[in-house]
Amino acid sequence: MKKIVSPMAGTVWKITKAMGDRVEYGDTVVILESMKMEIPVEADSQGTVSKIVVAEGEVVDLDTVLIELS
């Protein structure tokens, strides 16, 4: 199981993938908001979304698991 983690602390502004979606390397899976900037979080591997761990509007810390891929 592969995990996509937050590269920084911030708020989950938008989740761009849904359960069962195919994810390719470099796809934007989540957009974080930090210091009034939108930061895209890109997949560093490929797979299928098996679990979305966070919700839009949730505050996350550095290295928080956002999405799990199978």
C-alpha atoms as a PDB file:
ATOM      1  CA  MET A   1       0.000   0.000   0.000  1.00  0.00           C
ATOM      2  CA  LYS A   2       1.364   3.389  -1.018  1.00  0.00           C
ATOM      3  CA  LYS A   3       0.622   6.528   0.974  1.00  0.00           C
ATOM      4  CA  ILE A   4       0.556  10.130  -0.209  1.00  0.00           C
ATOM      5  CA  VAL A   5       1.476  12.479   2.622  1.00  0.00           C
ATOM      6  CA  SER A   6       1.263  16.200   3.206  1.00  0.00           C
ATOM      7  CA  PRO A   7       4.474  18.045   2.302  1.00  0.00           C
ATOM      8  CA  MET A   8       3.616  20.825   4.796  1.00  0.00           C
ATOM      9  CA  ALA A   9       1.105  21.942   7.389  1.00  0.00           C
ATOM     10  CA  GLY A  10      -2.044  23.494   5.966  1.00  0.00           C
ATOM     11  CA  THR A  11      -5.739  23.073   5.301  1.00  0.00           C
ATOM     12  CA  VAL A  12      -7.145  20.585   2.799  1.00  0.00           C
ATOM     13  CA  TRP A  13      -8.749  22.932   0.277  1.00  0.00           C
ATOM     14  CA  LYS A  14      -9.808  20.362  -2.322  1.00  0.00           C
ATOM     15  CA  ILE A  15      -9.562  16.621  -2.918  1.00  0.00           C
ATOM     16  CA  THR A  16      -9.260  16.047  -6.657  1.00  0.00           C
ATOM     17  CA  LYS A  17      -9.523  12.241  -6.751  1.00  0.00           C
ATOM     18  CA  ALA A  18     -12.283   9.890  -5.583  1.00  0.00           C
ATOM     19  CA  MET A  19     -12.325   6.324  -4.280  1.00  0.00           C
ATOM     20  CA  GLY A  20     -11.439   3.925  -7.086  1.00  0.00           C
ATOM     21  CA  ASP A  21      -9.842   6.582  -9.316  1.00  0.00           C
ATOM     22  CA  ARG A  22      -6.648   5.640 -11.120  1.00  0.00           C
ATOM     23  CA  VAL A  23      -3.691   7.846 -10.137  1.00  0.00           C
ATOM     24  CA  GLU A  24      -0.599   8.279 -12.278  1.00  0.00           C
ATOM     25  CA  TYR A  25       2.771   9.647 -11.194  1.00  0.00           C
ATOM     26  CA  GLY A  26       2.552  13.464 -11.016  1.00  0.00           C
ATOM     27  CA  ASP A  27      -1.261  13.680 -10.837  1.00  0.00           C
ATOM     28  CA  THR A  28      -2.584  16.288  -8.418  1.00  0.00           C
ATOM     29  CA  VAL A  29      -4.547  14.430  -5.744  1.00  0.00           C
ATOM     30  CA  VAL A  30      -5.099  17.125  -3.114  1.00  0.00           C
ATOM     31  CA  ILE A  31      -4.772  20.898  -2.994  1.00  0.00           C
ATOM     32  CA  LEU A  32      -3.641  22.362   0.310  1.00  0.00           C
ATOM     33  CA  GLU A  33      -4.031  25.952   1.412  1.00  0.00           C
ATOM     34  CA  SER A  34      -1.205  27.414   3.457  1.00  0.00           C
ATOM     35  CA  MET A  35      -0.410  31.083   4.027  1.00  0.00           C
ATOM     36  CA  LYS A  36      -3.189  32.015   1.556  1.00  0.00           C
ATOM     37  CA  MET A  37      -1.486  30.024  -1.207  1.00  0.00           C
ATOM     38  CA  GLU A  38      -2.853  26.921  -2.945  1.00  0.00           C
ATOM     39  CA  ILE A  39      -0.303  24.116  -3.033  1.00  0.00           C
ATOM     40  CA  PRO A  40      -0.996  21.057  -5.233  1.00  0.00           C
ATOM     41  CA  VAL A  41       0.059  17.715  -3.758  1.00  0.00           C
ATOM     42  CA  GLU A  42       1.159  15.393  -6.544  1.00  0.00           C
ATOM     43  CA  ALA A  43       1.311  11.606  -6.478  1.00  0.00           C
ATOM     44  CA  ASP A  44       4.840  10.235  -6.198  1.00  0.00           C
ATOM     45  CA  SER A  45       3.670   6.808  -7.372  1.00  0.00           C
ATOM     46  CA  GLN A  46       0.812   5.276  -9.297  1.00  0.00           C
ATOM     47  CA  GLY A  47      -2.103   3.114  -8.245  1.00  0.00           C
ATOM     48  CA  THR A  48      -5.803   3.204  -7.435  1.00  0.00           C
ATOM     49  CA  VAL A  49      -7.285   5.310  -4.622  1.00  0.00           C
ATOM     50  CA  SER A  50      -8.177   2.797  -1.904  1.00  0.00           C
ATOM     51  CA  LYS A  51      -8.731   5.235   0.970  1.00  0.00           C
ATOM     52  CA  ILE A  52      -9.144   8.987   1.380  1.00  0.00           C
ATOM     53  CA  VAL A  53      -7.907   9.684   4.889  1.00  0.00           C
ATOM     54  CA  VAL A  54      -8.677  13.409   5.156  1.00  0.00           C
ATOM     55  CA  ALA A  55     -11.672  15.630   4.411  1.00  0.00           C
ATOM     56  CA  GLU A  56     -11.912  19.024   2.732  1.00  0.00           C
ATOM     57  CA  GLY A  57     -11.496  21.757   5.338  1.00  0.00           C
ATOM     58  CA  GLU A  58      -9.395  19.567   7.632  1.00  0.00           C
ATOM     59  CA  VAL A  59      -6.175  21.009   9.064  1.00  0.00           C
ATOM     60  CA  VAL A  60      -3.180  18.713   8.537  1.00  0.00           C
ATOM     61  CA  ASP A  61       0.416  18.667   9.726  1.00  0.00           C
ATOM     62  CA  LEU A  62       3.604  17.838   7.862  1.00  0.00           C
ATOM     63  CA  ASP A  63       3.668  14.141   6.829  1.00  0.00           C
ATOM     64  CA  THR A  64      -0.039  13.539   7.521  1.00  0.00           C
ATOM     65  CA  VAL A  65      -1.336  10.699   5.344  1.00  0.00           C
ATOM     66  CA  LEU A  66      -3.812  12.172   2.845  1.00  0.00           C
ATOM     67  CA  ILE A  67      -4.604   9.305   0.473  1.00  0.00           C
ATOM     68  CA  GLU A  68      -3.729   5.609   0.286  1.00  0.00           C
ATOM     69  CA  LEU A  69      -3.189   3.856  -3.034  1.00  0.00           C
ATOM     70  CA  SER A  70      -3.347   0.150  -3.782  1.00  0.00           C
END
